[in-house]
Amino acid sequence: MAIRQAAHGTGIHLAALGDSHGYRVDDADGRVGTVDGVVAGAWSDRPDAIEVRVGLFQPAILVVGVEDVVAGDPVRRRVIVRGSIDLADAYSP
């Protein structure tokens, strides 16, 4: 079952995004990282953001808001985010 489109331009069904731990995260340029966690929202059944683990030798966490998630595929265990993510944001203080 593919993740359904959600209302209000969020891109995917937010409740399904809550089960995306371990999914590969891609942007327009390719692989970004892996979903490491989900940031709980004001509603218990849908997240506000996902935490993406980036980097191989110096891992870091990058928080991506659900408004930047455009698609998900639980069969292939993938989350697609809008545009290109600047990985330097994960390492800035």
PDB file of N, CA and C in Angstrom:
ATOM      1  N   MET A   1       0.841  -1.181   0.000  1.00  0.00           N
ATOM      2  CA  MET A   1       0.000   0.000   0.000  1.00  0.00           C
ATOM      3  C   MET A   1       0.881   1.237   0.000  1.00  0.00           C
ATOM      4  N   ALA A   2       0.701   2.113  -0.944  1.00  0.00           N
ATOM      5  CA  ALA A   2       1.474   3.349  -1.018  1.00  0.00           C
ATOM      6  C   ALA A   2       0.905   4.364  -0.039  1.00  0.00           C
ATOM      7  N   ILE A   3       1.744   5.243   0.437  1.00  0.00           N
ATOM      8  CA  ILE A   3       1.276   6.310   1.315  1.00  0.00           C
ATOM      9  C   ILE A   3       0.402   7.247   0.493  1.00  0.00           C
ATOM     10  N   ARG A   4      -0.768   7.550   0.991  1.00  0.00           N
ATOM     11  CA  ARG A   4      -1.716   8.396   0.278  1.00  0.00           C
ATOM     12  C   ARG A   4      -1.358   9.867   0.415  1.00  0.00           C
ATOM     13  N   GLN A   5      -1.806  10.649  -0.545  1.00  0.00           N
ATOM     14  CA  GLN A   5      -1.657  12.095  -0.464  1.00  0.00           C
ATOM     15  C   GLN A   5      -2.513  12.602   0.684  1.00  0.00           C
ATOM     16  N   ALA A   6      -2.045  13.595   1.391  1.00  0.00           N
ATOM     17  CA  ALA A   6      -2.795  14.172   2.499  1.00  0.00           C
ATOM     18  C   ALA A   6      -3.348  15.526   2.101  1.00  0.00           C
ATOM     19  N   ALA A   7      -4.284  15.995   2.848  1.00  0.00           N
ATOM     20  CA  ALA A   7      -4.870  17.305   2.602  1.00  0.00           C
ATOM     21  C   ALA A   7      -3.895  18.416   3.003  1.00  0.00           C
ATOM     22  N   HIS A   8      -4.178  19.605   2.598  1.00  0.00           N
ATOM     23  CA  HIS A   8      -3.436  20.812   2.973  1.00  0.00           C
ATOM     24  C   HIS A   8      -2.011  20.837   2.466  1.00  0.00           C
ATOM     25  N   GLY A   9      -1.716  20.136   1.364  1.00  0.00           N
ATOM     26  CA  GLY A   9      -0.409  20.236   0.722  1.00  0.00           C
ATOM     27  C   GLY A   9       0.744  19.629   1.497  1.00  0.00           C
ATOM     28  N   THR A  10       0.482  18.743   2.436  1.00  0.00           N
ATOM     29  CA  THR A  10       1.577  18.150   3.199  1.00  0.00           C
ATOM     30  C   THR A  10       2.331  17.099   2.418  1.00  0.00           C
ATOM     31  N   GLY A  11       1.735  16.577   1.348  1.00  0.00           N
ATOM     32  CA  GLY A  11       2.442  15.633   0.507  1.00  0.00           C
ATOM     33  C   GLY A  11       2.131  14.177   0.765  1.00  0.00           C
ATOM     34  N   ILE A  12       2.054  13.743   2.020  1.00  0.00           N
ATOM     35  CA  ILE A  12       1.738  12.343   2.292  1.00  0.00           C
ATOM     36  C   ILE A  12       0.809  12.240   3.489  1.00  0.00           C
ATOM     37  N   HIS A  13       0.270  11.065   3.667  1.00  0.00           N
ATOM     38  CA  HIS A  13      -0.602  10.806   4.803  1.00  0.00           C
ATOM     39  C   HIS A  13       0.251  10.841   6.067  1.00  0.00           C
ATOM     40  N   LEU A  14      -0.010  11.797   6.940  1.00  0.00           N
ATOM     41  CA  LEU A  14       0.874  12.036   8.088  1.00  0.00           C
ATOM     42  C   LEU A  14       0.910  10.889   9.090  1.00  0.00           C
ATOM     43  N   ALA A  15      -0.188  10.185   9.271  1.00  0.00           N
ATOM     44  CA  ALA A  15      -0.170   9.057  10.207  1.00  0.00           C
ATOM     45  C   ALA A  15       0.781   7.977   9.709  1.00  0.00           C
ATOM     46  N   ALA A  16       0.841   7.764   8.386  1.00  0.00           N
ATOM     47  CA  ALA A  16       1.757   6.770   7.826  1.00  0.00           C
ATOM     48  C   ALA A  16       3.204   7.199   7.985  1.00  0.00           C
ATOM     49  N   LEU A  17       3.461   8.494   7.967  1.00  0.00           N
ATOM     50  CA  LEU A  17       4.823   8.988   8.142  1.00  0.00           C
ATOM     51  C   LEU A  17       5.363   8.624   9.523  1.00  0.00           C
ATOM     52  N   GLY A  18       4.482   8.490  10.487  1.00  0.00           N
ATOM     53  CA  GLY A  18       4.895   8.093  11.831  1.00  0.00           C
ATOM     54  C   GLY A  18       5.533   6.716  11.889  1.00  0.00           C
ATOM     55  N   ASP A  19       5.275   5.886  10.883  1.00  0.00           N
ATOM     56  CA  ASP A  19       5.842   4.535  10.824  1.00  0.00           C
ATOM     57  C   ASP A  19       7.049   4.459   9.905  1.00  0.00           C
ATOM     58  N   SER A  20       7.694   5.573   9.613  1.00  0.00           N
ATOM     59  CA  SER A  20       8.766   5.604   8.611  1.00  0.00           C
ATOM     60  C   SER A  20      10.171   5.426   9.198  1.00  0.00           C
ATOM     61  N   HIS A  21      10.289   5.079  10.462  1.00  0.00           N
ATOM     62  CA  HIS A  21      11.614   4.910  11.078  1.00  0.00           C
ATOM     63  C   HIS A  21      12.431   3.890  10.283  1.00  0.00           C
ATOM     64  N   GLY A  22      13.651   4.257   9.917  1.00  0.00           N
ATOM     65  CA  GLY A  22      14.521   3.373   9.161  1.00  0.00           C
ATOM     66  C   GLY A  22      14.416   3.528   7.655  1.00  0.00           C
ATOM     67  N   TYR A  23      13.457   4.321   7.175  1.00  0.00           N
ATOM     68  CA  TYR A  23      13.303   4.515   5.732  1.00  0.00           C
ATOM     69  C   TYR A  23      14.465   5.339   5.183  1.00  0.00           C
ATOM     70  N   ARG A  24      14.842   5.075   3.947  1.00  0.00           N
ATOM     71  CA  ARG A  24      15.828   5.884   3.231  1.00  0.00           C
ATOM     72  C   ARG A  24      15.165   7.214   2.864  1.00  0.00           C
ATOM     73  N   VAL A  25      15.910   8.313   2.970  1.00  0.00           N
ATOM     74  CA  VAL A  25      15.406   9.641   2.612  1.00  0.00           C
ATOM     75  C   VAL A  25      16.182  10.136   1.398  1.00  0.00           C
ATOM     76  N   ASP A  26      15.443  10.513   0.348  1.00  0.00           N
ATOM     77  CA  ASP A  26      16.039  11.034  -0.882  1.00  0.00           C
ATOM     78  C   ASP A  26      15.529  12.438  -1.147  1.00  0.00           C
ATOM     79  N   ASP A  27      16.383  13.253  -1.795  1.00  0.00           N
ATOM     80  CA  ASP A  27      15.948  14.545  -2.308  1.00  0.00           C
ATOM     81  C   ASP A  27      16.183  14.548  -3.813  1.00  0.00           C
ATOM     82  N   ALA A  28      16.128  15.701  -4.442  1.00  0.00           N
ATOM     83  CA  ALA A  28      16.289  15.785  -5.897  1.00  0.00           C
ATOM     84  C   ALA A  28      17.661  15.300  -6.356  1.00  0.00           C
ATOM     85  N   ASP A  29      18.662  15.350  -5.477  1.00  0.00           N
ATOM     86  CA  ASP A  29      20.022  14.954  -5.837  1.00  0.00           C
ATOM     87  C   ASP A  29      20.349  13.504  -5.483  1.00  0.00           C
ATOM     88  N   GLY A  30      19.439  12.805  -4.825  1.00  0.00           N
ATOM     89  CA  GLY A  30      19.698  11.417  -4.448  1.00  0.00           C
ATOM     90  C   GLY A  30      19.562  11.195  -2.954  1.00  0.00           C
ATOM     91  N   ARG A  31      20.330  10.245  -2.434  1.00  0.00           N
ATOM     92  CA  ARG A  31      20.241   9.850  -1.021  1.00  0.00           C
ATOM     93  C   ARG A  31      20.693  10.969  -0.089  1.00  0.00           C
ATOM     94  N   VAL A  32      19.889  11.204   0.947  1.00  0.00           N
ATOM     95  CA  VAL A  32      20.219  12.179   1.986  1.00  0.00           C
ATOM     96  C   VAL A  32      20.633  11.458   3.257  1.00  0.00           C
ATOM     97  N   GLY A  33      19.843  10.482   3.667  1.00  0.00           N
ATOM     98  CA  GLY A  33      20.121   9.766   4.906  1.00  0.00           C
ATOM     99  C   GLY A  33      19.010   8.784   5.211  1.00  0.00           C
ATOM    100  N   THR A  34      18.782   8.550   6.514  1.00  0.00           N
ATOM    101  CA  THR A  34      17.805   7.572   6.975  1.00  0.00           C
ATOM    102  C   THR A  34      16.937   8.206   8.054  1.00  0.00           C
ATOM    103  N   VAL A  35      15.646   7.915   8.034  1.00  0.00           N
ATOM    104  CA  VAL A  35      14.756   8.417   9.088  1.00  0.00           C
ATOM    105  C   VAL A  35      15.180   7.778  10.403  1.00  0.00           C
ATOM    106  N   ASP A  36      15.574   8.616  11.359  1.00  0.00           N
ATOM    107  CA  ASP A  36      16.044   8.141  12.653  1.00  0.00           C
ATOM    108  C   ASP A  36      14.985   8.305  13.734  1.00  0.00           C
ATOM    109  N   GLY A  37      14.031   9.188  13.491  1.00  0.00           N
ATOM    110  CA  GLY A  37      12.983   9.414  14.473  1.00  0.00           C
ATOM    111  C   GLY A  37      11.908  10.307  13.904  1.00  0.00           C
ATOM    112  N   VAL A  38      10.847  10.432  14.660  1.00  0.00           N
ATOM    113  CA  VAL A  38       9.715  11.256  14.268  1.00  0.00           C
ATOM    114  C   VAL A  38       9.465  12.244  15.397  1.00  0.00           C
ATOM    115  N   VAL A  39       9.322  13.521  15.047  1.00  0.00           N
ATOM    116  CA  VAL A  39       9.059  14.567  16.037  1.00  0.00           C
ATOM    117  C   VAL A  39       7.552  14.661  16.207  1.00  0.00           C
ATOM    118  N   ALA A  40       7.083  14.363  17.409  1.00  0.00           N
ATOM    119  CA  ALA A  40       5.646  14.360  17.675  1.00  0.00           C
ATOM    120  C   ALA A  40       5.073  15.762  17.520  1.00  0.00           C
ATOM    121  N   GLY A  41       3.876  15.787  16.987  1.00  0.00           N
ATOM    122  CA  GLY A  41       3.201  17.055  16.781  1.00  0.00           C
ATOM    123  C   GLY A  41       2.202  17.340  17.869  1.00  0.00           C
ATOM    124  N   ALA A  42       1.432  18.366  17.651  1.00  0.00           N
ATOM    125  CA  ALA A  42       0.392  18.737  18.602  1.00  0.00           C
ATOM    126  C   ALA A  42      -0.682  17.657  18.683  1.00  0.00           C
ATOM    127  N   TRP A  43      -0.851  16.909  17.592  1.00  0.00           N
ATOM    128  CA  TRP A  43      -1.788  15.800  17.553  1.00  0.00           C
ATOM    129  C   TRP A  43      -0.984  14.513  17.671  1.00  0.00           C
ATOM    130  N   SER A  44      -1.444  13.583  18.470  1.00  0.00           N
ATOM    131  CA  SER A  44      -0.682  12.363  18.711  1.00  0.00           C
ATOM    132  C   SER A  44      -0.634  11.434  17.505  1.00  0.00           C
ATOM    133  N   ASP A  45      -1.518  11.626  16.534  1.00  0.00           N
ATOM    134  CA  ASP A  45      -1.565  10.704  15.403  1.00  0.00           C
ATOM    135  C   ASP A  45      -0.803  11.200  14.180  1.00  0.00           C
ATOM    136  N   ARG A  46      -0.128  12.336  14.274  1.00  0.00           N
ATOM    137  CA  ARG A  46       0.626  12.828  13.120  1.00  0.00           C
ATOM    138  C   ARG A  46       1.825  13.651  13.578  1.00  0.00           C
ATOM    139  N   PRO A  47       2.957  13.470  12.930  1.00  0.00           N
ATOM    140  CA  PRO A  47       4.190  14.162  13.333  1.00  0.00           C
ATOM    141  C   PRO A  47       4.281  15.574  12.745  1.00  0.00           C
ATOM    142  N   ASP A  48       5.178  16.369  13.312  1.00  0.00           N
ATOM    143  CA  ASP A  48       5.503  17.692  12.776  1.00  0.00           C
ATOM    144  C   ASP A  48       6.734  17.635  11.892  1.00  0.00           C
ATOM    145  N   ALA A  49       7.619  16.672  12.153  1.00  0.00           N
ATOM    146  CA  ALA A  49       8.879  16.586  11.414  1.00  0.00           C
ATOM    147  C   ALA A  49       9.447  15.177  11.538  1.00  0.00           C
ATOM    148  N   ILE A  50      10.431  14.905  10.685  1.00  0.00           N
ATOM    149  CA  ILE A  50      11.187  13.666  10.815  1.00  0.00           C
ATOM    150  C   ILE A  50      12.642  14.030  11.096  1.00  0.00           C
ATOM    151  N   GLU A  51      13.313  13.185  11.852  1.00  0.00           N
ATOM    152  CA  GLU A  51      14.740  13.356  12.112  1.00  0.00           C
ATOM    153  C   GLU A  51      15.482  12.454  11.140  1.00  0.00           C
ATOM    154  N   VAL A  52      16.370  13.053  10.353  1.00  0.00           N
ATOM    155  CA  VAL A  52      17.099  12.311   9.332  1.00  0.00           C
ATOM    156  C   VAL A  52      18.555  12.199   9.754  1.00  0.00           C
ATOM    157  N   ARG A  53      19.047  10.962   9.894  1.00  0.00           N
ATOM    158  CA  ARG A  53      20.463  10.732  10.211  1.00  0.00           C
ATOM    159  C   ARG A  53      21.245  10.842   8.915  1.00  0.00           C
ATOM    160  N   VAL A  54      22.224  11.748   8.910  1.00  0.00           N
ATOM    161  CA  VAL A  54      23.064  11.985   7.733  1.00  0.00           C
ATOM    162  C   VAL A  54      24.519  11.751   8.104  1.00  0.00           C
ATOM    163  N   GLY A  55      25.342  11.522   7.097  1.00  0.00           N
ATOM    164  CA  GLY A  55      26.774  11.360   7.327  1.00  0.00           C
ATOM    165  C   GLY A  55      27.149   9.930   7.662  1.00  0.00           C
ATOM    166  N   LEU A  56      28.323   9.544   7.228  1.00  0.00           N
ATOM    167  CA  LEU A  56      28.799   8.184   7.465  1.00  0.00           C
ATOM    168  C   LEU A  56      29.849   8.158   8.568  1.00  0.00           C
ATOM    169  N   PHE A  57      30.863   8.997   8.440  1.00  0.00           N
ATOM    170  CA  PHE A  57      31.954   8.997   9.423  1.00  0.00           C
ATOM    171  C   PHE A  57      31.738  10.001  10.538  1.00  0.00           C
ATOM    172  N   GLN A  58      30.917  11.003  10.275  1.00  0.00           N
ATOM    173  CA  GLN A  58      30.565  11.989  11.288  1.00  0.00           C
ATOM    174  C   GLN A  58      29.039  12.170  11.243  1.00  0.00           C
ATOM    175  N   PRO A  59      28.293  11.211  11.821  1.00  0.00           N
ATOM    176  CA  PRO A  59      26.838  11.273  11.724  1.00  0.00           C
ATOM    177  C   PRO A  59      26.264  12.471  12.456  1.00  0.00           C
ATOM    178  N   ALA A  60      25.164  12.976  11.935  1.00  0.00           N
ATOM    179  CA  ALA A  60      24.443  14.088  12.535  1.00  0.00           C
ATOM    180  C   ALA A  60      22.962  13.896  12.247  1.00  0.00           C
ATOM    181  N   ILE A  61      22.142  14.666  12.925  1.00  0.00           N
ATOM    182  CA  ILE A  61      20.692  14.608  12.734  1.00  0.00           C
ATOM    183  C   ILE A  61      20.228  15.924  12.113  1.00  0.00           C
ATOM    184  N   LEU A  62      19.427  15.798  11.068  1.00  0.00           N
ATOM    185  CA  LEU A  62      18.836  16.944  10.392  1.00  0.00           C
ATOM    186  C   LEU A  62      17.325  16.815  10.543  1.00  0.00           C
ATOM    187  N   VAL A  63      16.665  17.862  11.012  1.00  0.00           N
ATOM    188  CA  VAL A  63      15.215  17.832  11.198  1.00  0.00           C
ATOM    189  C   VAL A  63      14.557  18.396   9.944  1.00  0.00           C
ATOM    190  N   VAL A  64      13.643  17.607   9.372  1.00  0.00           N
ATOM    191  CA  VAL A  64      12.941  17.996   8.157  1.00  0.00           C
ATOM    192  C   VAL A  64      11.451  18.071   8.468  1.00  0.00           C
ATOM    193  N   GLY A  65      10.855  19.237   8.264  1.00  0.00           N
ATOM    194  CA  GLY A  65       9.431  19.419   8.519  1.00  0.00           C
ATOM    195  C   GLY A  65       8.575  18.629   7.548  1.00  0.00           C
ATOM    196  N   VAL A  66       7.398  18.208   7.991  1.00  0.00           N
ATOM    197  CA  VAL A  66       6.528  17.412   7.127  1.00  0.00           C
ATOM    198  C   VAL A  66       6.095  18.186   5.890  1.00  0.00           C
ATOM    199  N   GLU A  67       6.133  19.501   5.936  1.00  0.00           N
ATOM    200  CA  GLU A  67       5.770  20.282   4.754  1.00  0.00           C
ATOM    201  C   GLU A  67       6.776  20.106   3.621  1.00  0.00           C
ATOM    202  N   ASP A  68       7.974  19.609   3.939  1.00  0.00           N
ATOM    203  CA  ASP A  68       8.998  19.357   2.925  1.00  0.00           C
ATOM    204  C   ASP A  68       9.008  17.911   2.434  1.00  0.00           C
ATOM    205  N   VAL A  69       8.165  17.075   3.011  1.00  0.00           N
ATOM    206  CA  VAL A  69       8.060  15.677   2.571  1.00  0.00           C
ATOM    207  C   VAL A  69       6.997  15.625   1.485  1.00  0.00           C
ATOM    208  N   VAL A  70       7.389  15.130   0.300  1.00  0.00           N
ATOM    209  CA  VAL A  70       6.451  15.132  -0.822  1.00  0.00           C
ATOM    210  C   VAL A  70       5.913  13.758  -1.177  1.00  0.00           C
ATOM    211  N   ALA A  71       6.599  12.687  -0.785  1.00  0.00           N
ATOM    212  CA  ALA A  71       6.127  11.346  -1.125  1.00  0.00           C
ATOM    213  C   ALA A  71       6.741  10.325  -0.188  1.00  0.00           C
ATOM    214  N   GLY A  72       6.087   9.187  -0.124  1.00  0.00           N
ATOM    215  CA  GLY A  72       6.606   8.088   0.663  1.00  0.00           C
ATOM    216  C   GLY A  72       6.206   6.771   0.037  1.00  0.00           C
ATOM    217  N   ASP A  73       7.029   5.778   0.227  1.00  0.00           N
ATOM    218  CA  ASP A  73       6.776   4.461  -0.347  1.00  0.00           C
ATOM    219  C   ASP A  73       7.155   3.401   0.682  1.00  0.00           C
ATOM    220  N   PRO A  74       6.156   2.870   1.422  1.00  0.00           N
ATOM    221  CA  PRO A  74       6.477   1.868   2.435  1.00  0.00           C
ATOM    222  C   PRO A  74       6.968   0.544   1.848  1.00  0.00           C
ATOM    223  N   VAL A  75       6.623   0.251   0.607  1.00  0.00           N
ATOM    224  CA  VAL A  75       7.093  -0.983  -0.017  1.00  0.00           C
ATOM    225  C   VAL A  75       8.601  -0.912  -0.239  1.00  0.00           C
ATOM    226  N   ARG A  76       9.081   0.218  -0.760  1.00  0.00           N
ATOM    227  CA  ARG A  76      10.516   0.414  -0.984  1.00  0.00           C
ATOM    228  C   ARG A  76      11.205   1.054   0.216  1.00  0.00           C
ATOM    229  N   ARG A  77      10.429   1.380   1.259  1.00  0.00           N
ATOM    230  CA  ARG A  77      10.934   2.027   2.488  1.00  0.00           C
ATOM    231  C   ARG A  77      11.705   3.301   2.150  1.00  0.00           C
ATOM    232  N   ARG A  78      11.004   4.221   1.462  1.00  0.00           N
ATOM    233  CA  ARG A  78      11.609   5.490   1.039  1.00  0.00           C
ATOM    234  C   ARG A  78      10.711   6.664   1.385  1.00  0.00           C
ATOM    235  N   VAL A  79      11.340   7.783   1.710  1.00  0.00           N
ATOM    236  CA  VAL A  79      10.678   9.067   1.883  1.00  0.00           C
ATOM    237  C   VAL A  79      11.380  10.035   0.943  1.00  0.00           C
ATOM    238  N   ILE A  80      10.608  10.797   0.181  1.00  0.00           N
ATOM    239  CA  ILE A  80      11.158  11.773  -0.755  1.00  0.00           C
ATOM    240  C   ILE A  80      10.854  13.165  -0.226  1.00  0.00           C
ATOM    241  N   VAL A  81      11.891  14.013  -0.176  1.00  0.00           N
ATOM    242  CA  VAL A  81      11.711  15.384   0.285  1.00  0.00           C
ATOM    243  C   VAL A  81      11.882  16.360  -0.878  1.00  0.00           C
ATOM    244  N   ARG A  82      11.280  17.512  -0.732  1.00  0.00           N
ATOM    245  CA  ARG A  82      11.259  18.544  -1.762  1.00  0.00           C
ATOM    246  C   ARG A  82      12.622  19.209  -1.916  1.00  0.00           C
ATOM    247  N   GLY A  83      12.989  19.479  -3.171  1.00  0.00           N
ATOM    248  CA  GLY A  83      14.202  20.234  -3.464  1.00  0.00           C
ATOM    249  C   GLY A  83      15.469  19.482  -3.099  1.00  0.00           C
ATOM    250  N   SER A  84      16.511  20.256  -2.797  1.00  0.00           N
ATOM    251  CA  SER A  84      17.811  19.699  -2.394  1.00  0.00           C
ATOM    252  C   SER A  84      18.093  20.124  -0.958  1.00  0.00           C
ATOM    253  N   ILE A  85      18.494  19.181  -0.149  1.00  0.00           N
ATOM    254  CA  ILE A  85      18.825  19.483   1.250  1.00  0.00           C
ATOM    255  C   ILE A  85      20.292  19.809   1.357  1.00  0.00           C
ATOM    256  N   ASP A  86      20.604  20.900   2.044  1.00  0.00           N
ATOM    257  CA  ASP A  86      21.982  21.279   2.301  1.00  0.00           C
ATOM    258  C   ASP A  86      22.454  20.553   3.556  1.00  0.00           C
ATOM    259  N   LEU A  87      23.307  19.550   3.398  1.00  0.00           N
ATOM    260  CA  LEU A  87      23.746  18.750   4.532  1.00  0.00           C
ATOM    261  C   LEU A  87      24.574  19.551   5.537  1.00  0.00           C
ATOM    262  N   ALA A  88      25.106  20.693   5.127  1.00  0.00           N
ATOM    263  CA  ALA A  88      25.854  21.540   6.059  1.00  0.00           C
ATOM    264  C   ALA A  88      24.956  22.008   7.203  1.00  0.00           C
ATOM    265  N   ASP A  89      23.639  22.077   6.965  1.00  0.00           N
ATOM    266  CA  ASP A  89      22.710  22.488   8.029  1.00  0.00           C
ATOM    267  C   ASP A  89      22.729  21.508   9.188  1.00  0.00           C
ATOM    268  N   ALA A  90      23.018  20.253   8.941  1.00  0.00           N
ATOM    269  CA  ALA A  90      23.047  19.253  10.000  1.00  0.00           C
ATOM    270  C   ALA A  90      24.258  19.439  10.907  1.00  0.00           C
ATOM    271  N   TYR A  91      25.303  20.052  10.411  1.00  0.00           N
ATOM    272  CA  TYR A  91      26.545  20.200  11.164  1.00  0.00           C
ATOM    273  C   TYR A  91      26.758  21.594  11.734  1.00  0.00           C
ATOM    274  N   SER A  92      25.861  22.536  11.444  1.00  0.00           N
ATOM    275  CA  SER A  92      26.034  23.889  11.972  1.00  0.00           C
ATOM    276  C   SER A  92      25.508  23.943  13.401  1.00  0.00           C
ATOM    277  N   PRO A  93      26.171  24.748  14.244  1.00  0.00           N
ATOM    278  CA  PRO A  93      25.789  24.807  15.661  1.00  0.00           C
ATOM    279  C   PRO A  93      24.459  25.456  15.912  1.00  0.00           C
TER     280      PRO A  93
END
